[in-house]
N, C-alpha and C. Protein backbone atom coordinates (compact mmCIF):
# COMPACT_ATOMS: atom_id res chain seq x y z
N MET A 1 -96.06 -100.91 -94.47
CA MET A 1 -95.25 -101.55 -93.45
C MET A 1 -95.12 -103.02 -93.78
N ALA A 2 -93.93 -103.52 -93.69
CA ALA A 2 -93.69 -104.94 -93.93
C ALA A 2 -94.28 -105.77 -92.80
N GLY A 3 -94.66 -106.98 -93.12
CA GLY A 3 -95.14 -107.89 -92.09
C GLY A 3 -93.97 -108.28 -91.19
N PHE A 4 -94.29 -108.83 -90.08
CA PHE A 4 -93.27 -109.25 -89.12
C PHE A 4 -92.99 -110.73 -89.32
N HIS A 5 -91.72 -111.09 -89.49
CA HIS A 5 -91.33 -112.48 -89.67
C HIS A 5 -90.93 -113.07 -88.31
N PHE A 6 -91.52 -114.20 -87.96
CA PHE A 6 -91.22 -114.86 -86.69
C PHE A 6 -90.06 -115.83 -86.87
N LYS A 7 -89.06 -115.71 -86.01
CA LYS A 7 -87.88 -116.59 -86.11
C LYS A 7 -88.24 -118.02 -85.76
N SER A 8 -89.09 -118.19 -84.76
CA SER A 8 -89.55 -119.54 -84.42
C SER A 8 -90.93 -119.45 -83.78
N LEU A 9 -91.72 -120.47 -84.03
CA LEU A 9 -93.07 -120.55 -83.50
C LEU A 9 -93.24 -121.90 -82.80
N ILE A 10 -93.84 -121.87 -81.64
CA ILE A 10 -94.16 -123.09 -80.90
C ILE A 10 -95.61 -123.41 -81.23
N ARG A 11 -95.86 -124.59 -81.73
CA ARG A 11 -97.20 -124.92 -82.25
C ARG A 11 -97.99 -125.76 -81.26
N GLU A 12 -98.13 -125.22 -80.06
CA GLU A 12 -98.95 -125.84 -79.02
C GLU A 12 -99.34 -124.76 -78.02
N TRP A 13 -100.31 -125.09 -77.16
CA TRP A 13 -100.75 -124.14 -76.14
C TRP A 13 -99.68 -124.00 -75.06
N PRO A 14 -99.41 -122.77 -74.64
CA PRO A 14 -98.49 -122.60 -73.51
C PRO A 14 -99.13 -123.10 -72.22
N THR A 15 -98.29 -123.44 -71.27
CA THR A 15 -98.82 -123.87 -69.98
C THR A 15 -98.82 -122.67 -69.03
N LYS A 16 -99.66 -122.75 -68.01
CA LYS A 16 -99.73 -121.73 -66.96
C LYS A 16 -99.89 -120.31 -67.51
N MET A 17 -100.81 -120.15 -68.44
CA MET A 17 -101.02 -118.83 -69.06
C MET A 17 -101.46 -117.77 -68.07
N THR A 18 -102.16 -118.17 -67.02
CA THR A 18 -102.65 -117.17 -66.07
C THR A 18 -101.57 -116.73 -65.07
N ASN A 19 -100.37 -117.23 -65.24
CA ASN A 19 -99.23 -116.80 -64.41
C ASN A 19 -98.27 -115.92 -65.20
N SER A 20 -98.64 -115.58 -66.43
CA SER A 20 -97.77 -114.80 -67.32
C SER A 20 -98.58 -113.71 -68.02
N ASN A 21 -97.89 -112.91 -68.80
CA ASN A 21 -98.51 -111.84 -69.59
C ASN A 21 -98.38 -112.23 -71.06
N TRP A 22 -99.46 -111.97 -71.83
CA TRP A 22 -99.49 -112.41 -73.22
C TRP A 22 -100.12 -111.34 -74.12
N LEU A 23 -99.50 -111.13 -75.26
CA LEU A 23 -100.10 -110.36 -76.34
C LEU A 23 -100.83 -111.38 -77.20
N TRP A 24 -102.13 -111.19 -77.40
CA TRP A 24 -102.96 -112.10 -78.19
C TRP A 24 -103.15 -111.49 -79.57
N ILE A 25 -102.75 -112.18 -80.60
CA ILE A 25 -102.91 -111.71 -81.97
C ILE A 25 -103.96 -112.61 -82.64
N TRP A 26 -105.19 -112.11 -82.63
CA TRP A 26 -106.33 -112.84 -83.19
C TRP A 26 -106.36 -112.69 -84.70
N ASN A 27 -106.77 -113.73 -85.41
CA ASN A 27 -106.80 -113.70 -86.88
C ASN A 27 -105.44 -113.25 -87.42
N ALA A 28 -104.41 -113.91 -86.93
CA ALA A 28 -103.03 -113.54 -87.24
C ALA A 28 -102.71 -113.64 -88.73
N ASP A 29 -103.53 -114.33 -89.49
CA ASP A 29 -103.31 -114.48 -90.92
C ASP A 29 -104.17 -113.52 -91.75
N LYS A 30 -104.89 -112.62 -91.09
CA LYS A 30 -105.79 -111.67 -91.79
C LYS A 30 -105.21 -110.25 -91.78
N ILE A 31 -105.80 -109.40 -92.64
CA ILE A 31 -105.43 -107.99 -92.69
C ILE A 31 -106.62 -107.18 -92.24
N PRO A 32 -106.47 -106.40 -91.19
CA PRO A 32 -105.43 -106.49 -90.16
C PRO A 32 -105.84 -107.50 -89.10
N PRO A 33 -104.90 -108.02 -88.34
CA PRO A 33 -105.27 -108.86 -87.20
C PRO A 33 -105.80 -107.97 -86.07
N HIS A 34 -106.34 -108.59 -85.03
CA HIS A 34 -106.80 -107.86 -83.85
C HIS A 34 -105.93 -108.28 -82.68
N ILE A 35 -105.63 -107.33 -81.78
CA ILE A 35 -104.81 -107.69 -80.63
C ILE A 35 -105.50 -107.37 -79.31
N GLY A 36 -105.18 -108.19 -78.34
CA GLY A 36 -105.58 -108.00 -76.96
C GLY A 36 -104.38 -108.35 -76.09
N ILE A 37 -104.52 -108.19 -74.80
CA ILE A 37 -103.42 -108.50 -73.89
C ILE A 37 -103.99 -109.12 -72.62
N SER A 38 -103.29 -110.11 -72.12
CA SER A 38 -103.67 -110.64 -70.82
C SER A 38 -102.53 -110.41 -69.84
N ILE A 39 -102.91 -109.92 -68.70
CA ILE A 39 -101.99 -109.71 -67.59
C ILE A 39 -102.40 -110.74 -66.54
N GLN A 40 -101.70 -111.84 -66.56
CA GLN A 40 -102.00 -112.98 -65.70
C GLN A 40 -103.46 -113.41 -65.87
N LYS A 41 -104.32 -113.21 -64.89
CA LYS A 41 -105.69 -113.74 -64.94
C LYS A 41 -106.68 -112.83 -65.66
N ASP A 42 -106.25 -111.63 -66.07
CA ASP A 42 -107.16 -110.65 -66.67
C ASP A 42 -106.80 -110.37 -68.12
N TYR A 43 -107.82 -110.34 -68.98
CA TYR A 43 -107.66 -110.09 -70.42
C TYR A 43 -108.31 -108.75 -70.76
N PHE A 44 -107.64 -107.99 -71.64
CA PHE A 44 -108.11 -106.66 -72.05
C PHE A 44 -108.01 -106.53 -73.57
N SER A 45 -108.98 -105.85 -74.15
CA SER A 45 -108.96 -105.61 -75.59
C SER A 45 -109.84 -104.40 -75.91
N LEU A 46 -109.44 -103.64 -76.92
CA LEU A 46 -110.26 -102.54 -77.42
C LEU A 46 -110.81 -102.97 -78.76
N THR A 47 -112.13 -103.20 -78.81
CA THR A 47 -112.77 -103.65 -80.04
C THR A 47 -113.53 -102.49 -80.69
N TYR A 48 -114.12 -102.75 -81.84
CA TYR A 48 -114.93 -101.72 -82.50
C TYR A 48 -116.23 -101.47 -81.74
N LYS A 49 -116.56 -102.35 -80.78
CA LYS A 49 -117.78 -102.18 -79.99
C LYS A 49 -117.52 -101.56 -78.63
N MET A 50 -116.39 -101.96 -77.99
CA MET A 50 -116.16 -101.57 -76.60
C MET A 50 -114.76 -101.92 -76.13
N ALA A 51 -114.44 -101.43 -74.94
CA ALA A 51 -113.25 -101.89 -74.24
C ALA A 51 -113.66 -103.14 -73.47
N GLU A 52 -112.98 -104.25 -73.72
CA GLU A 52 -113.32 -105.52 -73.09
C GLU A 52 -112.45 -105.76 -71.85
N PHE A 53 -113.07 -106.24 -70.82
CA PHE A 53 -112.40 -106.65 -69.59
C PHE A 53 -112.93 -108.04 -69.29
N LYS A 54 -112.09 -109.06 -69.47
CA LYS A 54 -112.54 -110.45 -69.29
C LYS A 54 -111.51 -111.24 -68.49
N GLN A 55 -111.85 -112.46 -68.21
CA GLN A 55 -110.93 -113.36 -67.55
C GLN A 55 -110.11 -114.09 -68.61
N THR A 56 -108.82 -114.25 -68.37
CA THR A 56 -107.96 -114.95 -69.32
C THR A 56 -108.48 -116.35 -69.58
N LEU A 57 -108.95 -117.04 -68.55
CA LEU A 57 -109.46 -118.41 -68.75
C LEU A 57 -110.63 -118.45 -69.73
N SER A 58 -111.52 -117.46 -69.68
CA SER A 58 -112.64 -117.44 -70.63
C SER A 58 -112.15 -117.22 -72.05
N MET A 59 -111.09 -116.44 -72.22
CA MET A 59 -110.54 -116.21 -73.57
C MET A 59 -109.81 -117.45 -74.08
N ILE A 60 -109.18 -118.18 -73.20
CA ILE A 60 -108.54 -119.45 -73.59
C ILE A 60 -109.62 -120.41 -74.09
N LYS A 61 -110.71 -120.51 -73.36
CA LYS A 61 -111.82 -121.39 -73.77
C LYS A 61 -112.38 -120.95 -75.13
N LYS A 62 -112.57 -119.64 -75.30
CA LYS A 62 -113.08 -119.11 -76.58
C LYS A 62 -112.14 -119.46 -77.72
N ALA A 63 -110.84 -119.26 -77.51
CA ALA A 63 -109.86 -119.53 -78.55
C ALA A 63 -109.82 -121.01 -78.93
N LYS A 64 -109.89 -121.87 -77.94
CA LYS A 64 -109.88 -123.31 -78.21
C LYS A 64 -111.15 -123.75 -78.93
N ARG A 65 -112.29 -123.23 -78.48
CA ARG A 65 -113.59 -123.60 -79.05
C ARG A 65 -113.74 -123.10 -80.49
N SER A 66 -113.33 -121.87 -80.74
CA SER A 66 -113.58 -121.24 -82.05
C SER A 66 -112.51 -121.56 -83.09
N ALA A 67 -111.35 -122.01 -82.66
CA ALA A 67 -110.24 -122.32 -83.56
C ALA A 67 -109.82 -121.13 -84.43
N ILE A 68 -109.92 -119.92 -83.88
CA ILE A 68 -109.48 -118.72 -84.59
C ILE A 68 -107.96 -118.74 -84.69
N PRO A 69 -107.38 -118.45 -85.86
CA PRO A 69 -105.92 -118.38 -85.99
C PRO A 69 -105.36 -117.37 -84.98
N LEU A 70 -104.45 -117.83 -84.13
CA LEU A 70 -104.02 -117.04 -82.99
C LEU A 70 -102.53 -117.19 -82.74
N LEU A 71 -101.91 -116.07 -82.43
CA LEU A 71 -100.53 -116.06 -81.93
C LEU A 71 -100.57 -115.54 -80.51
N LEU A 72 -99.78 -116.14 -79.64
CA LEU A 72 -99.63 -115.68 -78.27
C LEU A 72 -98.16 -115.35 -78.06
N VAL A 73 -97.88 -114.09 -77.71
CA VAL A 73 -96.52 -113.62 -77.52
C VAL A 73 -96.34 -113.33 -76.04
N GLN A 74 -95.42 -114.02 -75.41
CA GLN A 74 -95.18 -113.82 -73.99
C GLN A 74 -94.47 -112.49 -73.75
N ILE A 75 -94.91 -111.77 -72.73
CA ILE A 75 -94.35 -110.45 -72.41
C ILE A 75 -93.85 -110.47 -70.97
N ASP A 76 -92.61 -110.09 -70.79
CA ASP A 76 -92.00 -110.04 -69.46
C ASP A 76 -92.74 -109.04 -68.56
N ASP A 77 -92.83 -109.37 -67.28
CA ASP A 77 -93.45 -108.48 -66.29
C ASP A 77 -92.84 -107.08 -66.31
N ALA A 78 -91.55 -106.99 -66.55
CA ALA A 78 -90.83 -105.71 -66.50
C ALA A 78 -91.34 -104.71 -67.54
N PHE A 79 -92.02 -105.17 -68.57
CA PHE A 79 -92.47 -104.27 -69.63
C PHE A 79 -93.88 -103.74 -69.43
N ILE A 80 -94.56 -104.20 -68.39
CA ILE A 80 -95.88 -103.66 -68.08
C ILE A 80 -95.64 -102.36 -67.32
N GLN A 81 -95.94 -101.23 -67.97
CA GLN A 81 -95.59 -99.91 -67.45
C GLN A 81 -96.75 -99.16 -66.79
N ALA A 82 -97.95 -99.72 -66.87
CA ALA A 82 -99.13 -99.02 -66.34
C ALA A 82 -100.16 -100.04 -65.89
N ASP A 83 -101.19 -99.55 -65.25
CA ASP A 83 -102.29 -100.41 -64.85
C ASP A 83 -103.19 -100.67 -66.07
N ALA A 84 -103.43 -101.93 -66.37
CA ALA A 84 -104.19 -102.28 -67.57
C ALA A 84 -105.62 -101.76 -67.53
N THR A 85 -106.29 -101.89 -66.41
CA THR A 85 -107.67 -101.41 -66.32
C THR A 85 -107.72 -99.91 -66.60
N THR A 86 -106.83 -99.15 -65.99
CA THR A 86 -106.79 -97.71 -66.21
C THR A 86 -106.51 -97.39 -67.68
N SER A 87 -105.56 -98.10 -68.29
CA SER A 87 -105.20 -97.87 -69.70
C SER A 87 -106.39 -98.10 -70.62
N PHE A 88 -107.15 -99.16 -70.39
CA PHE A 88 -108.26 -99.49 -71.28
C PHE A 88 -109.52 -98.68 -70.97
N GLN A 89 -109.72 -98.26 -69.73
CA GLN A 89 -110.91 -97.47 -69.38
C GLN A 89 -110.90 -96.10 -70.05
N GLN A 90 -109.77 -95.65 -70.53
CA GLN A 90 -109.69 -94.34 -71.19
C GLN A 90 -110.44 -94.32 -72.53
N TYR A 91 -110.74 -95.50 -73.07
CA TYR A 91 -111.31 -95.59 -74.42
C TYR A 91 -112.63 -96.34 -74.39
N SER A 92 -113.58 -95.85 -75.19
CA SER A 92 -114.87 -96.52 -75.26
C SER A 92 -114.86 -97.63 -76.30
N LYS A 93 -114.18 -97.39 -77.43
CA LYS A 93 -114.09 -98.38 -78.51
C LYS A 93 -113.07 -97.92 -79.54
N ALA A 94 -112.69 -98.82 -80.43
CA ALA A 94 -111.80 -98.46 -81.55
C ALA A 94 -112.61 -97.65 -82.56
N LYS A 95 -111.96 -96.61 -83.11
CA LYS A 95 -112.65 -95.72 -84.05
C LYS A 95 -111.73 -95.41 -85.23
N VAL A 96 -112.34 -95.04 -86.35
CA VAL A 96 -111.57 -94.56 -87.50
C VAL A 96 -110.83 -93.31 -87.06
N GLY A 97 -109.55 -93.25 -87.32
CA GLY A 97 -108.73 -92.12 -86.88
C GLY A 97 -108.10 -92.37 -85.52
N GLY A 98 -108.54 -93.42 -84.84
CA GLY A 98 -107.98 -93.79 -83.55
C GLY A 98 -108.93 -93.49 -82.43
N PRO A 99 -108.82 -94.16 -81.36
CA PRO A 99 -107.82 -95.17 -81.04
C PRO A 99 -108.09 -96.49 -81.77
N THR A 100 -107.06 -97.32 -81.87
CA THR A 100 -107.19 -98.67 -82.42
C THR A 100 -106.94 -99.66 -81.28
N CYS A 101 -107.03 -100.92 -81.57
CA CYS A 101 -106.76 -101.94 -80.54
C CYS A 101 -105.32 -101.86 -80.03
N LEU A 102 -104.44 -101.27 -80.81
CA LEU A 102 -103.04 -101.11 -80.43
C LEU A 102 -102.83 -100.00 -79.38
N THR A 103 -103.66 -98.98 -79.40
CA THR A 103 -103.44 -97.78 -78.59
C THR A 103 -103.26 -98.05 -77.10
N PRO A 104 -104.20 -98.71 -76.42
CA PRO A 104 -103.99 -98.92 -74.98
C PRO A 104 -102.85 -99.90 -74.68
N ILE A 105 -102.61 -100.82 -75.59
CA ILE A 105 -101.53 -101.80 -75.38
C ILE A 105 -100.18 -101.09 -75.46
N LYS A 106 -100.04 -100.18 -76.41
CA LYS A 106 -98.80 -99.37 -76.50
C LYS A 106 -98.56 -98.63 -75.20
N GLN A 107 -99.60 -98.00 -74.69
CA GLN A 107 -99.47 -97.24 -73.43
C GLN A 107 -99.08 -98.15 -72.29
N LEU A 108 -99.72 -99.29 -72.22
CA LEU A 108 -99.46 -100.25 -71.16
C LEU A 108 -98.01 -100.73 -71.18
N LEU A 109 -97.45 -100.86 -72.39
CA LEU A 109 -96.08 -101.35 -72.54
C LEU A 109 -95.05 -100.22 -72.63
N GLY A 110 -95.49 -98.97 -72.45
CA GLY A 110 -94.57 -97.84 -72.45
C GLY A 110 -94.00 -97.51 -73.82
N GLU A 111 -94.76 -97.80 -74.86
CA GLU A 111 -94.32 -97.49 -76.23
C GLU A 111 -94.78 -96.10 -76.63
N GLY A 112 -93.99 -95.44 -77.45
CA GLY A 112 -94.30 -94.09 -77.88
C GLY A 112 -95.02 -94.05 -79.22
N GLU A 113 -95.09 -92.85 -79.76
CA GLU A 113 -95.80 -92.59 -81.02
C GLU A 113 -95.12 -93.23 -82.24
N GLN A 114 -93.86 -93.68 -82.09
CA GLN A 114 -93.17 -94.30 -83.20
C GLN A 114 -93.76 -95.68 -83.53
N VAL A 115 -94.53 -96.25 -82.62
CA VAL A 115 -95.17 -97.54 -82.84
C VAL A 115 -96.60 -97.29 -83.33
N ASN A 116 -96.84 -97.59 -84.63
CA ASN A 116 -98.14 -97.37 -85.24
C ASN A 116 -98.82 -98.65 -85.69
N GLN A 117 -98.06 -99.75 -85.69
CA GLN A 117 -98.60 -101.02 -86.15
C GLN A 117 -98.05 -102.15 -85.30
N LEU A 118 -98.71 -103.27 -85.40
CA LEU A 118 -98.34 -104.44 -84.63
C LEU A 118 -96.89 -104.88 -84.92
N ALA A 119 -96.47 -104.85 -86.17
CA ALA A 119 -95.10 -105.27 -86.51
C ALA A 119 -94.07 -104.41 -85.77
N GLU A 120 -94.34 -103.12 -85.67
CA GLU A 120 -93.43 -102.22 -84.95
C GLU A 120 -93.42 -102.54 -83.45
N LEU A 121 -94.58 -102.87 -82.91
CA LEU A 121 -94.65 -103.26 -81.50
C LEU A 121 -93.86 -104.54 -81.27
N LEU A 122 -94.03 -105.52 -82.14
CA LEU A 122 -93.30 -106.78 -81.99
C LEU A 122 -91.79 -106.58 -82.09
N LEU A 123 -91.35 -105.72 -82.99
CA LEU A 123 -89.91 -105.42 -83.10
C LEU A 123 -89.40 -104.82 -81.80
N SER A 124 -90.15 -103.91 -81.23
CA SER A 124 -89.75 -103.27 -79.98
C SER A 124 -89.70 -104.28 -78.84
N ILE A 125 -90.73 -105.12 -78.73
CA ILE A 125 -90.75 -106.13 -77.67
C ILE A 125 -89.58 -107.09 -77.85
N GLU A 126 -89.35 -107.50 -79.08
CA GLU A 126 -88.25 -108.44 -79.37
C GLU A 126 -86.90 -107.86 -78.92
N LYS A 127 -86.67 -106.59 -79.21
CA LYS A 127 -85.41 -105.94 -78.80
C LYS A 127 -85.32 -105.81 -77.28
N ARG A 128 -86.40 -105.38 -76.66
CA ARG A 128 -86.39 -105.14 -75.22
C ARG A 128 -86.27 -106.44 -74.42
N GLN A 129 -86.85 -107.53 -74.92
CA GLN A 129 -86.84 -108.80 -74.21
C GLN A 129 -85.70 -109.70 -74.66
N ASN A 130 -84.95 -109.31 -75.66
CA ASN A 130 -83.91 -110.19 -76.22
C ASN A 130 -84.53 -111.42 -76.87
N GLY A 131 -85.59 -111.21 -77.63
CA GLY A 131 -86.26 -112.29 -78.34
C GLY A 131 -87.72 -112.41 -77.99
N LEU A 132 -88.40 -113.26 -78.73
CA LEU A 132 -89.83 -113.48 -78.53
C LEU A 132 -90.11 -114.95 -78.29
N ASN A 133 -91.01 -115.21 -77.37
CA ASN A 133 -91.51 -116.55 -77.13
C ASN A 133 -92.93 -116.55 -77.72
N VAL A 134 -93.13 -117.19 -78.88
CA VAL A 134 -94.39 -117.08 -79.62
C VAL A 134 -95.01 -118.46 -79.84
N PHE A 135 -96.28 -118.56 -79.50
CA PHE A 135 -97.05 -119.77 -79.69
C PHE A 135 -98.04 -119.55 -80.82
N ALA A 136 -98.07 -120.45 -81.80
CA ALA A 136 -98.96 -120.34 -82.96
C ALA A 136 -100.03 -121.42 -82.86
N LEU A 137 -101.28 -121.00 -82.89
CA LEU A 137 -102.40 -121.92 -82.72
C LEU A 137 -103.40 -121.75 -83.85
N HIS A 138 -103.86 -122.84 -84.38
CA HIS A 138 -104.87 -122.84 -85.44
C HIS A 138 -104.37 -122.12 -86.70
N LEU A 139 -103.07 -122.17 -86.93
CA LEU A 139 -102.47 -121.57 -88.12
C LEU A 139 -101.83 -122.67 -88.96
N LYS A 140 -101.78 -122.48 -90.27
CA LYS A 140 -101.17 -123.46 -91.16
C LYS A 140 -99.69 -123.65 -90.81
N GLU A 141 -99.20 -124.82 -91.09
CA GLU A 141 -97.80 -125.15 -90.78
C GLU A 141 -96.81 -124.22 -91.48
N ASP A 142 -97.18 -123.70 -92.64
CA ASP A 142 -96.26 -122.82 -93.37
C ASP A 142 -96.35 -121.35 -92.93
N TYR A 143 -97.20 -121.06 -91.95
CA TYR A 143 -97.33 -119.68 -91.45
C TYR A 143 -96.04 -119.30 -90.74
N LYS A 144 -95.45 -118.15 -91.17
CA LYS A 144 -94.20 -117.68 -90.58
C LYS A 144 -94.19 -116.19 -90.29
N GLN A 145 -95.17 -115.44 -90.84
CA GLN A 145 -95.15 -114.00 -90.63
C GLN A 145 -96.52 -113.37 -90.73
N LEU A 146 -96.62 -112.18 -90.09
CA LEU A 146 -97.84 -111.38 -90.23
C LEU A 146 -97.95 -110.90 -91.66
N PRO A 147 -99.15 -110.79 -92.19
CA PRO A 147 -99.30 -110.21 -93.53
C PRO A 147 -98.89 -108.73 -93.53
N ASN A 148 -98.53 -108.23 -94.71
CA ASN A 148 -98.23 -106.80 -94.87
C ASN A 148 -99.54 -106.03 -94.92
N TYR A 149 -99.60 -104.90 -94.23
CA TYR A 149 -100.77 -104.04 -94.30
C TYR A 149 -100.38 -102.64 -93.83
N THR A 150 -101.25 -101.70 -94.12
CA THR A 150 -100.98 -100.29 -93.80
C THR A 150 -101.91 -99.80 -92.70
N VAL A 151 -101.60 -98.64 -92.14
CA VAL A 151 -102.48 -98.00 -91.16
C VAL A 151 -103.82 -97.68 -91.82
N GLU A 152 -103.80 -97.32 -93.09
CA GLU A 152 -105.05 -97.03 -93.81
C GLU A 152 -105.94 -98.26 -93.86
N GLU A 153 -105.35 -99.43 -94.02
CA GLU A 153 -106.15 -100.66 -94.03
C GLU A 153 -106.76 -100.96 -92.66
N ILE A 154 -106.05 -100.59 -91.61
CA ILE A 154 -106.59 -100.74 -90.26
C ILE A 154 -107.82 -99.85 -90.11
N MET A 155 -107.70 -98.58 -90.52
CA MET A 155 -108.81 -97.63 -90.39
C MET A 155 -110.00 -98.05 -91.27
N LYS A 156 -109.71 -98.57 -92.43
CA LYS A 156 -110.78 -99.03 -93.32
C LYS A 156 -111.55 -100.17 -92.65
N ARG A 157 -110.83 -101.09 -92.03
CA ARG A 157 -111.49 -102.23 -91.37
C ARG A 157 -112.34 -101.76 -90.19
N ILE A 158 -111.82 -100.85 -89.39
CA ILE A 158 -112.60 -100.31 -88.27
C ILE A 158 -113.87 -99.65 -88.80
N GLY A 159 -113.74 -98.89 -89.89
CA GLY A 159 -114.90 -98.25 -90.51
C GLY A 159 -115.94 -99.26 -90.98
N GLU A 160 -115.47 -100.35 -91.59
CA GLU A 160 -116.38 -101.40 -92.05
C GLU A 160 -117.11 -102.04 -90.87
N LEU A 161 -116.39 -102.31 -89.80
CA LEU A 161 -117.01 -102.94 -88.63
C LEU A 161 -118.02 -102.02 -87.96
N ASN A 162 -117.79 -100.72 -88.01
CA ASN A 162 -118.71 -99.75 -87.39
C ASN A 162 -119.86 -99.33 -88.31
N ASP A 163 -119.85 -99.81 -89.55
CA ASP A 163 -120.90 -99.44 -90.51
C ASP A 163 -122.24 -100.04 -90.06
N PRO A 164 -123.23 -99.20 -89.81
CA PRO A 164 -124.53 -99.72 -89.34
C PRO A 164 -125.23 -100.60 -90.37
N LYS A 165 -124.86 -100.52 -91.64
CA LYS A 165 -125.49 -101.33 -92.69
C LYS A 165 -124.93 -102.75 -92.72
N ARG A 166 -123.89 -102.97 -91.94
CA ARG A 166 -123.21 -104.27 -91.95
C ARG A 166 -124.06 -105.35 -91.35
């Protein structure tokens, strides 16, 4: 799958994040990145350890403190198709073979099986919203797109993270 090219990036923190919905793309310059979603004041993510339920403000503090390369993609309220807590409670953690961090987010946004990677999700959101509002934080000035990677690379990374010898 080709990486996703961003038409424009805003290189500052958005204001009033707890009044909006955001797709969080952590380690946006790595293969593969990790994604979470915040629905106003609540943040959700499926990690290799667990389904996370946190406050958006605590994740903002973490992101600012750690300086992890991060993209924030604003998502219109109209595209939230399910209850986030219910969507994430279905899964205990990301596993080889699935689910991945993308799985509950796809469900939440009403995406089907045709979306298997973040780039496909971003294309769908871009079409449905008539564009993307994207904030780039802690990324190099020449950063313009997600790296290319495959579903196999996603599964390999989940396997590495779950390896008890790690």
